[in-house]
């Protein structure tokens, strides 16, 4: 995450610096226009990063839910198996005595 933020910060700084250098020669209006373009670019980058994080979080949550559902199903099956064995074990058994 730090790598992404450092690349984003470097890109933003380089873009603003180049925009200011280009626009200084033409007066205040081009400078303002370049600053507005840079601001819009930053907004687009932030939205894209936010959507990527959101997608990652939602897919992780979905995977966690699926894993939890699988564990619940296995636990339920195991409990029902124990109950059926317990019922079978509760019936009286014939005791066999070995003769020598």
N, C-alpha and C. Protein backbone atom coordinates (compact mmCIF):
# COMPACT_ATOMS: atom_id res chain seq x y z
N UNK A 1 0.83 -1.18 0.00
CA UNK A 1 0.00 0.00 0.00
C UNK A 1 0.88 1.25 0.00
N UNK A 2 2.01 1.19 0.73
CA UNK A 2 2.90 2.35 0.76
C UNK A 2 3.51 2.61 -0.61
N UNK A 3 3.80 1.53 -1.33
CA UNK A 3 4.35 1.69 -2.67
C UNK A 3 3.39 2.40 -3.60
N UNK A 4 2.12 2.04 -3.50
CA UNK A 4 1.10 2.67 -4.34
C UNK A 4 0.98 4.14 -3.99
N UNK A 5 0.98 4.45 -2.69
CA UNK A 5 0.87 5.84 -2.27
C UNK A 5 2.09 6.66 -2.70
N UNK A 6 3.27 6.05 -2.65
CA UNK A 6 4.47 6.80 -3.06
C UNK A 6 4.45 7.06 -4.56
N UNK A 7 4.02 6.08 -5.35
CA UNK A 7 3.92 6.29 -6.80
C UNK A 7 2.87 7.35 -7.10
N UNK A 8 1.75 7.29 -6.39
CA UNK A 8 0.69 8.27 -6.58
C UNK A 8 1.18 9.67 -6.23
N UNK A 9 1.91 9.80 -5.11
CA UNK A 9 2.43 11.10 -4.71
C UNK A 9 3.45 11.64 -5.69
N UNK A 10 4.34 10.78 -6.16
CA UNK A 10 5.33 11.21 -7.15
C UNK A 10 4.65 11.65 -8.44
N UNK A 11 3.68 10.89 -8.90
CA UNK A 11 2.97 11.23 -10.14
C UNK A 11 2.24 12.56 -10.00
N UNK A 12 1.59 12.74 -8.86
CA UNK A 12 0.87 13.98 -8.61
C UNK A 12 1.83 15.16 -8.59
N UNK A 13 2.93 15.03 -7.88
CA UNK A 13 3.90 16.12 -7.80
C UNK A 13 4.50 16.44 -9.16
N UNK A 14 4.85 15.41 -9.92
CA UNK A 14 5.43 15.64 -11.24
C UNK A 14 4.41 16.31 -12.16
N UNK A 15 3.18 15.87 -12.10
CA UNK A 15 2.14 16.45 -12.96
C UNK A 15 1.91 17.93 -12.62
N UNK A 16 1.81 18.22 -11.34
CA UNK A 16 1.59 19.61 -10.95
C UNK A 16 2.79 20.48 -11.32
N UNK A 17 3.99 19.97 -11.09
CA UNK A 17 5.19 20.74 -11.42
C UNK A 17 5.28 21.04 -12.91
N UNK A 18 5.05 20.06 -13.73
CA UNK A 18 5.10 20.26 -15.19
C UNK A 18 3.99 21.22 -15.63
N UNK A 19 2.83 21.07 -15.04
CA UNK A 19 1.72 21.96 -15.41
C UNK A 19 2.02 23.41 -15.06
N UNK A 20 2.59 23.63 -13.89
CA UNK A 20 2.92 25.00 -13.47
C UNK A 20 4.00 25.59 -14.38
N UNK A 21 5.02 24.80 -14.68
CA UNK A 21 6.10 25.30 -15.54
C UNK A 21 5.57 25.66 -16.92
N UNK A 22 4.72 24.85 -17.47
CA UNK A 22 4.17 25.13 -18.81
C UNK A 22 3.26 26.35 -18.79
N UNK A 23 2.49 26.49 -17.72
CA UNK A 23 1.47 27.54 -17.70
C UNK A 23 2.02 28.90 -17.28
N UNK A 24 3.15 28.96 -16.61
CA UNK A 24 3.67 30.23 -16.12
C UNK A 24 3.92 31.21 -17.26
N UNK A 25 4.35 30.72 -18.39
CA UNK A 25 4.65 31.59 -19.52
C UNK A 25 3.42 32.25 -20.12
N UNK A 26 2.22 31.73 -19.91
CA UNK A 26 1.04 32.23 -20.59
C UNK A 26 0.12 33.10 -19.76
N UNK A 27 0.37 33.29 -18.48
CA UNK A 27 -0.50 34.12 -17.64
C UNK A 27 -1.28 33.28 -16.65
N UNK A 28 -2.15 33.93 -15.86
CA UNK A 28 -2.87 33.24 -14.79
C UNK A 28 -3.95 32.27 -15.28
N UNK A 29 -4.58 32.57 -16.41
CA UNK A 29 -5.67 31.70 -16.87
C UNK A 29 -5.17 30.29 -17.20
N UNK A 30 -4.10 30.13 -17.96
CA UNK A 30 -3.61 28.78 -18.23
C UNK A 30 -3.15 28.06 -16.95
N UNK A 31 -2.58 28.83 -16.01
CA UNK A 31 -2.16 28.22 -14.75
C UNK A 31 -3.37 27.64 -14.04
N UNK A 32 -4.44 28.42 -13.96
CA UNK A 32 -5.66 27.96 -13.30
C UNK A 32 -6.23 26.74 -14.02
N UNK A 33 -6.21 26.79 -15.33
CA UNK A 33 -6.73 25.66 -16.11
C UNK A 33 -5.91 24.39 -15.84
N UNK A 34 -4.60 24.52 -15.79
CA UNK A 34 -3.74 23.36 -15.54
C UNK A 34 -3.95 22.82 -14.12
N UNK A 35 -4.12 23.72 -13.18
CA UNK A 35 -4.38 23.28 -11.80
C UNK A 35 -5.71 22.54 -11.72
N UNK A 36 -6.71 23.03 -12.43
CA UNK A 36 -8.01 22.35 -12.46
C UNK A 36 -7.89 20.96 -13.10
N UNK A 37 -7.13 20.87 -14.18
CA UNK A 37 -6.93 19.58 -14.83
C UNK A 37 -6.22 18.61 -13.89
N UNK A 38 -5.21 19.12 -13.20
CA UNK A 38 -4.47 18.27 -12.26
C UNK A 38 -5.39 17.81 -11.13
N UNK A 39 -6.23 18.70 -10.64
CA UNK A 39 -7.18 18.34 -9.58
C UNK A 39 -8.15 17.27 -10.05
N UNK A 40 -8.62 17.40 -11.27
CA UNK A 40 -9.52 16.39 -11.82
C UNK A 40 -8.81 15.05 -12.00
N UNK A 41 -7.54 15.11 -12.42
CA UNK A 41 -6.78 13.87 -12.57
C UNK A 41 -6.58 13.19 -11.22
N UNK A 42 -6.30 13.99 -10.19
CA UNK A 42 -6.13 13.43 -8.84
C UNK A 42 -7.44 12.80 -8.37
N UNK A 43 -8.54 13.47 -8.64
CA UNK A 43 -9.85 12.93 -8.25
C UNK A 43 -10.10 11.60 -8.95
N UNK A 44 -9.78 11.52 -10.25
CA UNK A 44 -9.97 10.27 -10.98
C UNK A 44 -9.10 9.15 -10.41
N UNK A 45 -7.86 9.49 -10.09
CA UNK A 45 -6.96 8.48 -9.52
C UNK A 45 -7.48 8.00 -8.17
N UNK A 46 -7.94 8.93 -7.36
CA UNK A 46 -8.46 8.57 -6.04
C UNK A 46 -9.71 7.70 -6.16
N UNK A 47 -10.58 8.02 -7.11
CA UNK A 47 -11.77 7.21 -7.31
C UNK A 47 -11.40 5.81 -7.76
N UNK A 48 -10.44 5.71 -8.68
CA UNK A 48 -10.02 4.39 -9.16
C UNK A 48 -9.41 3.57 -8.03
N UNK A 49 -8.57 4.20 -7.22
CA UNK A 49 -7.96 3.49 -6.09
C UNK A 49 -9.03 3.06 -5.09
N UNK A 50 -9.98 3.94 -4.84
CA UNK A 50 -11.07 3.61 -3.92
C UNK A 50 -11.92 2.45 -4.42
N UNK A 51 -12.19 2.43 -5.72
CA UNK A 51 -12.99 1.33 -6.26
C UNK A 51 -12.22 0.03 -6.21
N UNK A 52 -10.90 0.08 -6.43
CA UNK A 52 -10.10 -1.15 -6.34
C UNK A 52 -10.11 -1.69 -4.91
N UNK A 53 -9.95 -0.81 -3.95
CA UNK A 53 -9.97 -1.23 -2.55
C UNK A 53 -11.34 -1.79 -2.20
N UNK A 54 -12.37 -1.12 -2.67
CA UNK A 54 -13.74 -1.58 -2.40
C UNK A 54 -13.98 -2.96 -3.00
N UNK A 55 -13.53 -3.17 -4.25
CA UNK A 55 -13.69 -4.47 -4.89
C UNK A 55 -12.93 -5.55 -4.13
N UNK A 56 -11.72 -5.23 -3.71
CA UNK A 56 -10.92 -6.20 -2.97
C UNK A 56 -11.59 -6.56 -1.65
N UNK A 57 -12.09 -5.56 -0.95
CA UNK A 57 -12.75 -5.82 0.33
C UNK A 57 -14.02 -6.64 0.15
N UNK A 58 -14.81 -6.33 -0.89
CA UNK A 58 -16.05 -7.07 -1.08
C UNK A 58 -15.77 -8.51 -1.49
N UNK A 59 -14.73 -8.74 -2.31
CA UNK A 59 -14.41 -10.12 -2.69
C UNK A 59 -13.87 -10.89 -1.49
N UNK A 60 -13.10 -10.23 -0.63
CA UNK A 60 -12.60 -10.89 0.58
C UNK A 60 -13.76 -11.24 1.51
N UNK A 61 -14.72 -10.34 1.63
CA UNK A 61 -15.89 -10.61 2.48
C UNK A 61 -16.70 -11.77 1.92
N UNK A 62 -16.85 -11.82 0.61
CA UNK A 62 -17.59 -12.91 -0.02
C UNK A 62 -16.89 -14.24 0.21
N UNK A 63 -15.57 -14.25 0.05
CA UNK A 63 -14.81 -15.48 0.30
C UNK A 63 -14.94 -15.93 1.74
N UNK A 64 -14.91 -14.98 2.67
CA UNK A 64 -15.04 -15.32 4.09
C UNK A 64 -16.42 -15.91 4.38
N UNK A 65 -17.45 -15.32 3.77
CA UNK A 65 -18.81 -15.85 3.97
C UNK A 65 -18.93 -17.28 3.44
N UNK A 66 -18.35 -17.51 2.24
CA UNK A 66 -18.41 -18.85 1.66
C UNK A 66 -17.68 -19.86 2.53
N UNK A 67 -16.53 -19.47 3.06
CA UNK A 67 -15.77 -20.36 3.94
C UNK A 67 -16.57 -20.66 5.21
N UNK A 68 -17.18 -19.63 5.76
CA UNK A 68 -17.98 -19.81 6.97
C UNK A 68 -19.18 -20.71 6.70
N UNK A 69 -19.82 -20.54 5.57
CA UNK A 69 -20.96 -21.40 5.22
C UNK A 69 -20.51 -22.86 5.10
N UNK A 70 -19.34 -23.07 4.50
CA UNK A 70 -18.81 -24.43 4.38
C UNK A 70 -18.53 -25.05 5.74
N UNK A 71 -17.95 -24.27 6.63
CA UNK A 71 -17.65 -24.77 7.98
C UNK A 71 -18.95 -25.08 8.72
N UNK A 72 -19.93 -24.23 8.57
CA UNK A 72 -21.23 -24.48 9.24
C UNK A 72 -21.86 -25.76 8.72
N UNK A 73 -21.81 -25.95 7.40
CA UNK A 73 -22.40 -27.15 6.81
C UNK A 73 -21.69 -28.40 7.33
N UNK A 74 -20.36 -28.36 7.36
CA UNK A 74 -19.60 -29.51 7.86
C UNK A 74 -19.93 -29.79 9.32
N UNK A 75 -20.04 -28.74 10.12
CA UNK A 75 -20.35 -28.92 11.54
C UNK A 75 -21.74 -29.52 11.72
N UNK A 76 -22.69 -29.05 10.92
CA UNK A 76 -24.05 -29.58 11.00
C UNK A 76 -24.08 -31.05 10.61
N UNK A 77 -23.36 -31.41 9.56
CA UNK A 77 -23.32 -32.81 9.13
C UNK A 77 -22.65 -33.68 10.18
N UNK A 78 -21.60 -33.17 10.79
CA UNK A 78 -20.90 -33.92 11.82
C UNK A 78 -21.79 -34.15 13.03
N UNK A 79 -22.53 -33.11 13.42
CA UNK A 79 -23.44 -33.24 14.57
C UNK A 79 -24.54 -34.25 14.27
N UNK A 80 -25.11 -34.20 13.07
CA UNK A 80 -26.19 -35.13 12.73
C UNK A 80 -25.65 -36.56 12.68
N UNK A 81 -24.40 -36.73 12.23
CA UNK A 81 -23.78 -38.05 12.23
C UNK A 81 -23.57 -38.57 13.64
N UNK A 82 -23.17 -37.70 14.55
CA UNK A 82 -22.99 -38.09 15.95
C UNK A 82 -24.31 -38.49 16.57
N UNK A 83 -25.36 -37.76 16.25
CA UNK A 83 -26.67 -38.06 16.83
C UNK A 83 -27.15 -39.43 16.37
N UNK A 84 -26.97 -39.71 15.07
CA UNK A 84 -27.44 -41.01 14.58
C UNK A 84 -26.62 -42.14 15.20
N UNK A 85 -25.32 -41.95 15.40
CA UNK A 85 -24.50 -42.98 16.05
C UNK A 85 -24.90 -43.12 17.51
N UNK A 86 -25.21 -42.00 18.14
CA UNK A 86 -25.60 -42.05 19.56
C UNK A 86 -26.91 -42.82 19.72
N UNK A 87 -27.83 -42.64 18.79
CA UNK A 87 -29.10 -43.38 18.86
C UNK A 87 -28.84 -44.87 18.66
N UNK A 88 -27.97 -45.17 17.72
CA UNK A 88 -27.68 -46.59 17.47
C UNK A 88 -26.97 -47.20 18.67
N UNK A 89 -26.12 -46.43 19.32
CA UNK A 89 -25.39 -46.93 20.49
C UNK A 89 -26.29 -47.06 21.72
N UNK A 90 -27.39 -46.35 21.77
CA UNK A 90 -28.25 -46.39 22.95
C UNK A 90 -29.11 -47.64 23.01
N UNK A 91 -29.21 -48.39 21.92
CA UNK A 91 -29.99 -49.64 21.94
C UNK A 91 -29.19 -50.69 22.71
N UNK A 92 -29.89 -51.54 23.41
CA UNK A 92 -29.19 -52.58 24.18
C UNK A 92 -28.44 -53.53 23.24
N UNK A 93 -27.25 -53.93 23.69
CA UNK A 93 -26.45 -54.86 22.91
C UNK A 93 -26.35 -56.18 23.64
N UNK A 94 -26.22 -57.20 22.86
CA UNK A 94 -26.07 -58.52 23.44
C UNK A 94 -24.63 -58.68 23.88
N UNK A 95 -24.44 -59.15 25.09
CA UNK A 95 -23.11 -59.36 25.62
C UNK A 95 -22.69 -60.79 25.32
N UNK A 96 -21.56 -60.90 24.67
CA UNK A 96 -21.04 -62.22 24.33
C UNK A 96 -19.91 -62.53 25.28
N UNK A 97 -20.04 -63.69 25.97
CA UNK A 97 -19.00 -64.12 26.90
C UNK A 97 -18.19 -65.20 26.23
N UNK A 98 -16.91 -64.95 26.21
CA UNK A 98 -16.01 -65.93 25.58
C UNK A 98 -15.81 -67.11 26.49
N UNK A 99 -15.83 -68.31 25.92
CA UNK A 99 -15.63 -69.52 26.71
C UNK A 99 -14.26 -70.06 26.38
N UNK A 100 -13.58 -70.55 27.40
CA UNK A 100 -12.26 -71.13 27.17
C UNK A 100 -12.31 -72.60 27.06
